[in-house]
Amino acid sequence: MRGFIARSAATAAAAVTALALVPVSAAEATTATSQSARSYRFVVSATSGWQDTGTYLRRGDRYSVEYLRGTWTVDSARFDRVDADGYDWDTDARIYQGCKILKNEAYGTLLAKRGRSLTAMGSYRKLRAKGSGTLRLRINDADGCLGDNAGQVTVVIRVWRARSYD
């Protein structure tokens, strides 16, 4: 019985090894590659307006922006630094409300723009591009109010290219 179990285990191990070494077809390799995301790191400054990431999105592409590290503030003299999700709503209510780009989002939230499309990204968001254009990022604080800002956040941008662009 012991010999039978040892042979069965050896046969099973050989079968698993054989399965693991089976090459992937060219079609499967192409599909796997086309579904892989291209990743780019980008540093977004709190003291600059819209910043061109150099990432061109085509209609139908899926993309994500994910916060990695760093902090920023919309008023370095009066408010602590925060991450890409921005300030909590209690703190936000204490900040002068005349400088928000997206009024329904907290100050300090990471924003993205492609063409005319403007979206709050926060610390992570994945979207599908409805049109083509260069992805730009910034803090939720208007151009005229950037003088008292400080800090920067680092993000990773991932793009999954669409197969067709209808």
N, C-alpha and C. Protein backbone atom coordinates (compact mmCIF):
# COMPACT_ATOMS: atom_id res chain seq x y z
N MET A 1 0.83 -1.18 0.00
CA MET A 1 0.00 0.00 0.00
C MET A 1 0.88 1.25 0.00
N ARG A 2 1.95 1.22 0.83
CA ARG A 2 2.82 2.37 0.92
C ARG A 2 3.44 2.67 -0.45
N GLY A 3 3.85 1.67 -1.22
CA GLY A 3 4.43 1.85 -2.56
C GLY A 3 3.42 2.45 -3.51
N PHE A 4 2.14 2.04 -3.41
CA PHE A 4 1.08 2.55 -4.27
C PHE A 4 0.87 4.05 -4.02
N ILE A 5 0.87 4.43 -2.73
CA ILE A 5 0.67 5.84 -2.37
C ILE A 5 1.85 6.67 -2.88
N ALA A 6 3.06 6.15 -2.73
CA ALA A 6 4.24 6.89 -3.17
C ALA A 6 4.21 7.06 -4.68
N ARG A 7 3.85 5.98 -5.43
CA ARG A 7 3.77 6.09 -6.89
C ARG A 7 2.66 7.05 -7.30
N SER A 8 1.52 7.02 -6.62
CA SER A 8 0.40 7.91 -6.94
C SER A 8 0.80 9.36 -6.71
N ALA A 9 1.52 9.61 -5.61
CA ALA A 9 1.96 10.98 -5.31
C ALA A 9 2.96 11.44 -6.36
N ALA A 10 3.87 10.56 -6.75
CA ALA A 10 4.86 10.91 -7.77
C ALA A 10 4.18 11.17 -9.11
N THR A 11 3.19 10.35 -9.47
CA THR A 11 2.45 10.54 -10.72
C THR A 11 1.69 11.87 -10.70
N ALA A 12 1.06 12.18 -9.58
CA ALA A 12 0.31 13.43 -9.45
C ALA A 12 1.25 14.63 -9.56
N ALA A 13 2.42 14.53 -8.92
CA ALA A 13 3.39 15.63 -8.98
C ALA A 13 3.88 15.83 -10.41
N ALA A 14 4.13 14.74 -11.13
CA ALA A 14 4.57 14.84 -12.52
C ALA A 14 3.49 15.47 -13.38
N ALA A 15 2.23 15.12 -13.13
CA ALA A 15 1.12 15.69 -13.90
C ALA A 15 0.99 17.18 -13.64
N VAL A 16 1.14 17.59 -12.40
CA VAL A 16 1.05 19.02 -12.07
C VAL A 16 2.19 19.77 -12.74
N THR A 17 3.40 19.21 -12.68
CA THR A 17 4.55 19.84 -13.33
C THR A 17 4.31 19.96 -14.82
N ALA A 18 3.80 18.91 -15.44
CA ALA A 18 3.54 18.93 -16.87
C ALA A 18 2.50 20.00 -17.21
N LEU A 19 1.47 20.14 -16.39
CA LEU A 19 0.45 21.15 -16.64
C LEU A 19 1.02 22.55 -16.49
N ALA A 20 1.90 22.75 -15.52
CA ALA A 20 2.47 24.06 -15.28
C ALA A 20 3.38 24.50 -16.42
N LEU A 21 3.93 23.54 -17.17
CA LEU A 21 4.86 23.87 -18.25
C LEU A 21 4.19 23.98 -19.61
N VAL A 22 2.90 23.81 -19.69
CA VAL A 22 2.21 23.92 -20.98
C VAL A 22 2.27 25.37 -21.44
N PRO A 23 2.78 25.63 -22.66
CA PRO A 23 2.89 27.01 -23.12
C PRO A 23 1.51 27.62 -23.41
N VAL A 24 1.46 28.96 -23.28
CA VAL A 24 0.21 29.66 -23.56
C VAL A 24 0.17 29.95 -25.06
N SER A 25 -1.03 29.89 -25.61
CA SER A 25 -1.16 30.18 -27.04
C SER A 25 -0.88 31.66 -27.29
N ALA A 26 -0.57 32.00 -28.52
CA ALA A 26 -0.31 33.39 -28.89
C ALA A 26 -1.53 34.27 -28.62
N ALA A 27 -2.73 33.74 -28.88
CA ALA A 27 -3.96 34.50 -28.66
C ALA A 27 -4.14 34.81 -27.18
N GLU A 28 -3.87 33.80 -26.32
CA GLU A 28 -4.00 34.03 -24.87
C GLU A 28 -2.96 35.03 -24.39
N ALA A 29 -1.74 34.95 -24.90
CA ALA A 29 -0.69 35.89 -24.50
C ALA A 29 -1.06 37.31 -24.91
N THR A 30 -1.62 37.48 -26.12
CA THR A 30 -2.03 38.81 -26.59
C THR A 30 -3.14 39.36 -25.72
N THR A 31 -4.13 38.50 -25.39
CA THR A 31 -5.23 38.94 -24.54
C THR A 31 -4.73 39.36 -23.17
N ALA A 32 -3.84 38.57 -22.58
CA ALA A 32 -3.31 38.90 -21.26
C ALA A 32 -2.56 40.22 -21.31
N THR A 33 -1.76 40.43 -22.37
CA THR A 33 -1.00 41.67 -22.49
C THR A 33 -1.91 42.86 -22.70
N SER A 34 -2.95 42.71 -23.54
CA SER A 34 -3.82 43.84 -23.83
C SER A 34 -4.66 44.23 -22.62
N GLN A 35 -4.82 43.32 -21.66
CA GLN A 35 -5.59 43.62 -20.47
C GLN A 35 -4.71 44.15 -19.34
N SER A 36 -3.39 44.18 -19.55
CA SER A 36 -2.49 44.70 -18.54
C SER A 36 -2.55 46.22 -18.54
N ALA A 37 -2.42 46.78 -17.37
CA ALA A 37 -2.45 48.23 -17.25
C ALA A 37 -1.04 48.79 -17.38
N ARG A 38 -0.95 49.94 -18.01
CA ARG A 38 0.31 50.69 -17.99
C ARG A 38 0.24 51.61 -16.80
N SER A 39 1.31 51.68 -16.03
CA SER A 39 1.33 52.48 -14.80
C SER A 39 2.32 53.63 -14.91
N TYR A 40 1.92 54.76 -14.36
CA TYR A 40 2.75 55.95 -14.34
C TYR A 40 2.65 56.59 -12.96
N ARG A 41 3.77 57.03 -12.41
CA ARG A 41 3.75 57.78 -11.15
C ARG A 41 3.78 59.26 -11.50
N PHE A 42 3.06 60.03 -10.69
CA PHE A 42 3.01 61.47 -10.94
C PHE A 42 2.90 62.20 -9.60
N VAL A 43 3.62 63.30 -9.47
CA VAL A 43 3.57 64.12 -8.26
C VAL A 43 2.70 65.34 -8.56
N VAL A 44 1.68 65.53 -7.72
CA VAL A 44 0.74 66.65 -7.89
C VAL A 44 1.03 67.67 -6.81
N SER A 45 1.35 68.90 -7.22
CA SER A 45 1.66 69.97 -6.29
C SER A 45 0.39 70.70 -5.85
N ALA A 46 0.34 71.10 -4.59
CA ALA A 46 -0.80 71.86 -4.07
C ALA A 46 -0.70 73.33 -4.47
N THR A 47 0.44 73.77 -4.98
CA THR A 47 0.64 75.18 -5.30
C THR A 47 0.48 75.50 -6.78
N SER A 48 0.10 74.51 -7.58
CA SER A 48 -0.09 74.71 -9.02
C SER A 48 -1.51 74.36 -9.42
N GLY A 49 -1.96 74.98 -10.50
CA GLY A 49 -3.29 74.68 -11.04
C GLY A 49 -3.29 73.32 -11.72
N TRP A 50 -4.01 73.22 -12.84
CA TRP A 50 -4.11 71.94 -13.56
C TRP A 50 -2.73 71.53 -14.04
N GLN A 51 -2.32 70.30 -13.70
CA GLN A 51 -1.00 69.78 -14.04
C GLN A 51 -1.14 68.63 -15.03
N ASP A 52 -0.49 68.78 -16.17
CA ASP A 52 -0.54 67.80 -17.26
C ASP A 52 0.27 66.57 -16.85
N THR A 53 -0.39 65.42 -16.76
CA THR A 53 0.29 64.19 -16.35
C THR A 53 1.06 63.55 -17.49
N GLY A 54 0.82 64.01 -18.72
CA GLY A 54 1.45 63.39 -19.89
C GLY A 54 0.77 62.09 -20.28
N THR A 55 -0.36 61.79 -19.65
CA THR A 55 -1.11 60.56 -19.93
C THR A 55 -2.27 60.88 -20.86
N TYR A 56 -2.20 60.37 -22.07
CA TYR A 56 -3.27 60.60 -23.03
C TYR A 56 -4.26 59.44 -22.96
N LEU A 57 -5.52 59.77 -22.75
CA LEU A 57 -6.59 58.76 -22.67
C LEU A 57 -7.41 58.81 -23.95
N ARG A 58 -7.71 57.65 -24.49
CA ARG A 58 -8.60 57.56 -25.65
C ARG A 58 -9.97 57.13 -25.17
N ARG A 59 -10.99 57.55 -25.90
CA ARG A 59 -12.35 57.16 -25.54
C ARG A 59 -12.44 55.64 -25.40
N GLY A 60 -13.01 55.20 -24.28
CA GLY A 60 -13.15 53.77 -24.01
C GLY A 60 -12.09 53.21 -23.10
N ASP A 61 -10.94 53.90 -22.98
CA ASP A 61 -9.90 53.43 -22.06
C ASP A 61 -10.44 53.43 -20.64
N ARG A 62 -10.04 52.43 -19.87
CA ARG A 62 -10.30 52.45 -18.43
C ARG A 62 -9.03 53.01 -17.79
N TYR A 63 -9.22 53.80 -16.74
CA TYR A 63 -8.07 54.35 -16.04
C TYR A 63 -8.39 54.53 -14.57
N SER A 64 -7.33 54.53 -13.77
CA SER A 64 -7.50 54.78 -12.34
C SER A 64 -6.40 55.72 -11.88
N VAL A 65 -6.71 56.43 -10.81
CA VAL A 65 -5.72 57.27 -10.14
C VAL A 65 -5.76 56.85 -8.68
N GLU A 66 -4.59 56.45 -8.16
CA GLU A 66 -4.50 55.97 -6.79
C GLU A 66 -3.44 56.76 -6.02
N TYR A 67 -3.84 57.28 -4.89
CA TYR A 67 -2.94 58.01 -4.00
C TYR A 67 -1.92 57.05 -3.40
N LEU A 68 -0.64 57.44 -3.43
CA LEU A 68 0.42 56.61 -2.84
C LEU A 68 0.94 57.20 -1.53
N ARG A 69 1.30 58.49 -1.56
CA ARG A 69 1.87 59.11 -0.36
C ARG A 69 1.87 60.63 -0.52
N GLY A 70 2.20 61.29 0.58
CA GLY A 70 2.31 62.73 0.58
C GLY A 70 1.08 63.38 1.20
N THR A 71 1.24 64.66 1.55
CA THR A 71 0.15 65.43 2.12
C THR A 71 0.21 66.85 1.57
N TRP A 72 -0.92 67.52 1.68
CA TRP A 72 -0.99 68.91 1.24
C TRP A 72 -2.04 69.66 2.04
N THR A 73 -2.03 70.98 1.91
CA THR A 73 -2.98 71.83 2.62
C THR A 73 -3.40 72.99 1.73
N VAL A 74 -4.61 73.49 1.96
CA VAL A 74 -5.09 74.65 1.22
C VAL A 74 -4.82 75.95 1.98
N ASP A 75 -4.27 75.86 3.18
CA ASP A 75 -3.92 77.04 3.98
C ASP A 75 -2.88 76.60 5.01
N SER A 76 -1.62 76.77 4.65
CA SER A 76 -0.54 76.23 5.49
C SER A 76 -0.43 76.93 6.85
N ALA A 77 -0.97 78.12 7.00
CA ALA A 77 -0.89 78.83 8.27
C ALA A 77 -1.98 78.39 9.25
N ARG A 78 -3.12 77.91 8.72
CA ARG A 78 -4.26 77.65 9.61
C ARG A 78 -4.78 76.21 9.64
N PHE A 79 -4.43 75.39 8.64
CA PHE A 79 -5.00 74.04 8.59
C PHE A 79 -3.92 72.98 8.37
N ASP A 80 -4.12 71.85 9.00
CA ASP A 80 -3.19 70.73 8.87
C ASP A 80 -3.18 70.22 7.44
N ARG A 81 -2.18 69.42 7.16
CA ARG A 81 -2.09 68.76 5.85
C ARG A 81 -2.98 67.53 5.85
N VAL A 82 -3.46 67.18 4.66
CA VAL A 82 -4.32 66.00 4.48
C VAL A 82 -3.85 65.21 3.27
N ASP A 83 -4.41 64.02 3.10
CA ASP A 83 -4.08 63.22 1.93
C ASP A 83 -5.02 63.58 0.77
N ALA A 84 -5.06 62.77 -0.27
CA ALA A 84 -5.83 63.06 -1.48
C ALA A 84 -7.34 63.04 -1.28
N ASP A 85 -7.82 62.53 -0.15
CA ASP A 85 -9.26 62.56 0.13
C ASP A 85 -9.71 63.92 0.63
N GLY A 86 -8.78 64.80 0.97
CA GLY A 86 -9.12 66.14 1.41
C GLY A 86 -9.54 66.19 2.86
N TYR A 87 -10.10 67.33 3.24
CA TYR A 87 -10.48 67.59 4.63
C TYR A 87 -11.78 66.90 4.99
N ASP A 88 -11.93 66.59 6.28
CA ASP A 88 -13.22 66.09 6.75
C ASP A 88 -14.20 67.27 6.67
N TRP A 89 -15.49 66.98 6.69
CA TRP A 89 -16.50 68.02 6.45
C TRP A 89 -16.54 69.06 7.57
N ASP A 90 -16.21 68.71 8.80
CA ASP A 90 -16.17 69.70 9.88
C ASP A 90 -15.07 70.73 9.64
N THR A 91 -13.89 70.25 9.25
CA THR A 91 -12.79 71.16 8.95
C THR A 91 -13.11 71.96 7.69
N ASP A 92 -13.64 71.30 6.68
CA ASP A 92 -13.99 71.96 5.43
C ASP A 92 -14.92 73.15 5.68
N ALA A 93 -15.86 73.00 6.59
CA ALA A 93 -16.83 74.06 6.88
C ALA A 93 -16.16 75.29 7.49
N ARG A 94 -14.97 75.15 8.09
CA ARG A 94 -14.25 76.27 8.69
C ARG A 94 -13.35 77.00 7.69
N ILE A 95 -13.23 76.46 6.47
CA ILE A 95 -12.39 77.07 5.45
C ILE A 95 -13.27 77.98 4.58
N TYR A 96 -12.74 79.14 4.20
CA TYR A 96 -13.45 80.06 3.32
C TYR A 96 -13.96 79.30 2.10
N GLN A 97 -15.25 79.40 1.81
CA GLN A 97 -15.88 78.57 0.78
C GLN A 97 -15.84 79.14 -0.63
N GLY A 98 -15.16 80.26 -0.84
CA GLY A 98 -15.14 80.88 -2.17
C GLY A 98 -14.08 80.37 -3.12
N CYS A 99 -13.35 79.34 -2.76
CA CYS A 99 -12.23 78.89 -3.60
C CYS A 99 -12.36 77.45 -4.13
N LYS A 100 -13.46 76.80 -3.87
CA LYS A 100 -13.59 75.41 -4.33
C LYS A 100 -13.84 75.35 -5.84
N ILE A 101 -13.24 74.37 -6.46
CA ILE A 101 -13.52 74.11 -7.87
C ILE A 101 -14.77 73.25 -7.98
N LEU A 102 -14.80 72.15 -7.23
CA LEU A 102 -16.01 71.33 -7.14
C LEU A 102 -16.65 71.61 -5.79
N LYS A 103 -17.76 72.28 -5.81
CA LYS A 103 -18.42 72.74 -4.57
C LYS A 103 -18.89 71.59 -3.69
N ASN A 104 -19.24 70.45 -4.27
CA ASN A 104 -19.76 69.31 -3.51
C ASN A 104 -18.67 68.40 -2.96
N GLU A 105 -17.41 68.76 -3.17
CA GLU A 105 -16.28 67.98 -2.68
C GLU A 105 -15.51 68.81 -1.67
N ALA A 106 -14.87 68.16 -0.73
CA ALA A 106 -14.11 68.85 0.30
C ALA A 106 -12.87 69.52 -0.29
N TYR A 107 -12.46 70.61 0.35
CA TYR A 107 -11.17 71.20 0.00
C TYR A 107 -10.09 70.13 0.15
N GLY A 108 -9.07 70.22 -0.70
CA GLY A 108 -7.95 69.30 -0.60
C GLY A 108 -8.15 67.98 -1.33
N THR A 109 -9.35 67.74 -1.86
CA THR A 109 -9.61 66.51 -2.61
C THR A 109 -8.84 66.56 -3.93
N LEU A 110 -8.27 65.43 -4.33
CA LEU A 110 -7.59 65.33 -5.62
C LEU A 110 -8.63 65.33 -6.73
N LEU A 111 -8.45 66.20 -7.73
CA LEU A 111 -9.37 66.30 -8.86
C LEU A 111 -8.67 65.88 -10.14
N ALA A 112 -9.46 65.37 -11.09
CA ALA A 112 -8.95 65.00 -12.40
C ALA A 112 -9.78 65.68 -13.47
N LYS A 113 -9.13 65.99 -14.58
CA LYS A 113 -9.81 66.63 -15.70
C LYS A 113 -9.28 66.05 -16.99
N ARG A 114 -10.19 65.72 -17.88
CA ARG A 114 -9.85 65.28 -19.23
C ARG A 114 -10.85 65.97 -20.14
N GLY A 115 -10.35 66.84 -21.00
CA GLY A 115 -11.26 67.65 -21.80
C GLY A 115 -12.08 68.54 -20.89
N ARG A 116 -13.39 68.49 -21.02
CA ARG A 116 -14.28 69.26 -20.14
C ARG A 116 -14.77 68.45 -18.95
N SER A 117 -14.45 67.17 -18.93
CA SER A 117 -14.90 66.27 -17.87
C SER A 117 -14.06 66.49 -16.61
N LEU A 118 -14.74 66.84 -15.52
CA LEU A 118 -14.09 67.12 -14.25
C LEU A 118 -14.62 66.15 -13.20
N THR A 119 -13.71 65.47 -12.47
CA THR A 119 -14.10 64.42 -11.53
C THR A 119 -13.27 64.48 -10.26
N ALA A 120 -13.90 64.23 -9.13
CA ALA A 120 -13.17 64.07 -7.87
C ALA A 120 -12.62 62.66 -7.83
N MET A 121 -11.32 62.54 -7.62
CA MET A 121 -10.67 61.23 -7.58
C MET A 121 -10.43 60.77 -6.14
N GLY A 122 -10.12 61.70 -5.23
CA GLY A 122 -9.80 61.31 -3.87
C GLY A 122 -8.60 60.38 -3.86
N SER A 123 -8.60 59.41 -2.95
CA SER A 123 -7.45 58.51 -2.84
C SER A 123 -7.48 57.36 -3.84
N TYR A 124 -8.65 57.08 -4.43
CA TYR A 124 -8.71 56.05 -5.48
C TYR A 124 -10.03 56.14 -6.23
N ARG A 125 -9.92 56.07 -7.54
CA ARG A 125 -11.12 55.99 -8.36
C ARG A 125 -10.73 55.39 -9.71
N LYS A 126 -11.61 54.57 -10.26
CA LYS A 126 -11.40 53.94 -11.55
C LYS A 126 -12.57 54.33 -12.45
N LEU A 127 -12.26 54.80 -13.65
CA LEU A 127 -13.28 55.30 -14.57
C LEU A 127 -13.03 54.81 -15.99
N ARG A 128 -14.01 55.04 -16.85
CA ARG A 128 -13.87 54.80 -18.29
C ARG A 128 -13.93 56.16 -18.97
N ALA A 129 -12.96 56.43 -19.84
CA ALA A 129 -12.91 57.71 -20.55
C ALA A 129 -14.04 57.78 -21.57
N LYS A 130 -14.85 58.82 -21.48
CA LYS A 130 -15.97 59.00 -22.41
C LYS A 130 -15.55 59.78 -23.64
N GLY A 131 -14.36 60.31 -23.62
CA GLY A 131 -13.79 61.04 -24.76
C GLY A 131 -12.28 60.97 -24.67
N SER A 132 -11.60 61.52 -25.64
CA SER A 132 -10.14 61.48 -25.66
C SER A 132 -9.55 62.79 -25.15
N GLY A 133 -8.37 62.71 -24.57
CA GLY A 133 -7.67 63.90 -24.10
C GLY A 133 -6.63 63.56 -23.06
N THR A 134 -5.84 64.56 -22.72
CA THR A 134 -4.78 64.40 -21.73
C THR A 134 -5.35 64.51 -20.32
N LEU A 135 -4.92 63.64 -19.44
CA LEU A 135 -5.36 63.65 -18.05
C LEU A 135 -4.57 64.70 -17.28
N ARG A 136 -5.30 65.58 -16.58
CA ARG A 136 -4.69 66.60 -15.74
C ARG A 136 -5.22 66.46 -14.32
N LEU A 137 -4.37 66.78 -13.33
CA LEU A 137 -4.72 66.63 -11.92
C LEU A 137 -4.43 67.92 -11.16
N ARG A 138 -5.12 68.09 -10.02
CA ARG A 138 -4.88 69.23 -9.14
C ARG A 138 -5.58 69.04 -7.81
N ILE A 139 -5.34 69.96 -6.89
CA ILE A 139 -6.02 70.01 -5.60
C ILE A 139 -7.34 70.77 -5.79
N ASN A 140 -8.35 70.45 -4.98
CA ASN A 140 -9.62 71.17 -5.04
C ASN A 140 -9.46 72.50 -4.31
N ASP A 141 -8.90 73.47 -5.02
CA ASP A 141 -8.68 74.84 -4.55
C ASP A 141 -8.40 75.67 -5.80
N ALA A 142 -9.14 76.75 -5.99
CA ALA A 142 -9.07 77.55 -7.22
C ALA A 142 -7.72 78.23 -7.40
N ASP A 143 -7.42 78.59 -8.64
CA ASP A 143 -6.14 79.21 -8.99
C ASP A 143 -5.81 80.43 -8.14
N GLY A 144 -6.77 81.30 -7.90
CA GLY A 144 -6.53 82.52 -7.14
C GLY A 144 -6.28 82.29 -5.66
N CYS A 145 -6.43 81.06 -5.21
CA CYS A 145 -6.28 80.75 -3.78
C CYS A 145 -5.10 79.82 -3.49
N LEU A 146 -4.24 79.59 -4.47
CA LEU A 146 -3.14 78.64 -4.30
C LEU A 146 -1.96 79.20 -3.53
N GLY A 147 -1.89 80.52 -3.32
CA GLY A 147 -0.74 81.17 -2.71
C GLY A 147 -0.42 80.71 -1.29
N ASP A 148 -1.43 80.27 -0.55
CA ASP A 148 -1.19 79.83 0.84
C ASP A 148 -1.13 78.31 0.97
N ASN A 149 -1.15 77.62 -0.15
CA ASN A 149 -1.09 76.15 -0.15
C ASN A 149 0.34 75.66 0.08
N ALA A 150 0.45 74.39 0.45
CA ALA A 150 1.76 73.75 0.61
C ALA A 150 1.60 72.25 0.42
N GLY A 151 2.68 71.59 0.01
CA GLY A 151 2.72 70.13 -0.06
C GLY A 151 2.48 69.58 -1.45
N GLN A 152 2.49 68.26 -1.48
CA GLN A 152 2.28 67.52 -2.73
C GLN A 152 1.88 66.10 -2.41
N VAL A 153 1.22 65.46 -3.36
CA VAL A 153 0.88 64.05 -3.22
C VAL A 153 1.40 63.30 -4.44
N THR A 154 1.80 62.07 -4.22
CA THR A 154 2.25 61.20 -5.31
C THR A 154 1.15 60.20 -5.59
N VAL A 155 0.83 60.04 -6.88
CA VAL A 155 -0.21 59.10 -7.29
C VAL A 155 0.35 58.15 -8.34
N VAL A 156 -0.35 57.05 -8.53
CA VAL A 156 -0.04 56.17 -9.65
C VAL A 156 -1.27 56.18 -10.55
N ILE A 157 -1.02 56.38 -11.84
CA ILE A 157 -2.07 56.39 -12.86
C ILE A 157 -1.94 55.09 -13.63
N ARG A 158 -3.04 54.36 -13.74
CA ARG A 158 -3.04 53.11 -14.52
C ARG A 158 -4.02 53.26 -15.68
N VAL A 159 -3.61 52.79 -16.85
CA VAL A 159 -4.45 52.88 -18.04
C VAL A 159 -4.56 51.51 -18.68
N TRP A 160 -5.80 51.08 -18.89
CA TRP A 160 -6.10 49.86 -19.63
C TRP A 160 -6.67 50.30 -20.97
N ARG A 161 -5.96 50.07 -22.04
CA ARG A 161 -6.36 50.54 -23.36
C ARG A 161 -7.60 49.79 -23.84
N ALA A 162 -8.52 50.55 -24.43
CA ALA A 162 -9.73 49.97 -25.01
C ALA A 162 -9.37 49.23 -26.29
N ARG A 163 -10.13 48.20 -26.59
CA ARG A 163 -9.89 47.44 -27.82
C ARG A 163 -10.49 48.12 -29.03
N SER A 164 -11.63 48.77 -28.84
CA SER A 164 -12.23 49.50 -29.95
C SER A 164 -12.65 50.86 -29.45
N TYR A 165 -12.83 51.77 -30.33
CA TYR A 165 -13.12 53.15 -29.94
C TYR A 165 -14.42 53.65 -30.53
N ASP A 166 -15.45 52.78 -30.57
CA ASP A 166 -16.74 53.22 -31.12
C ASP A 166 -17.41 54.15 -30.17
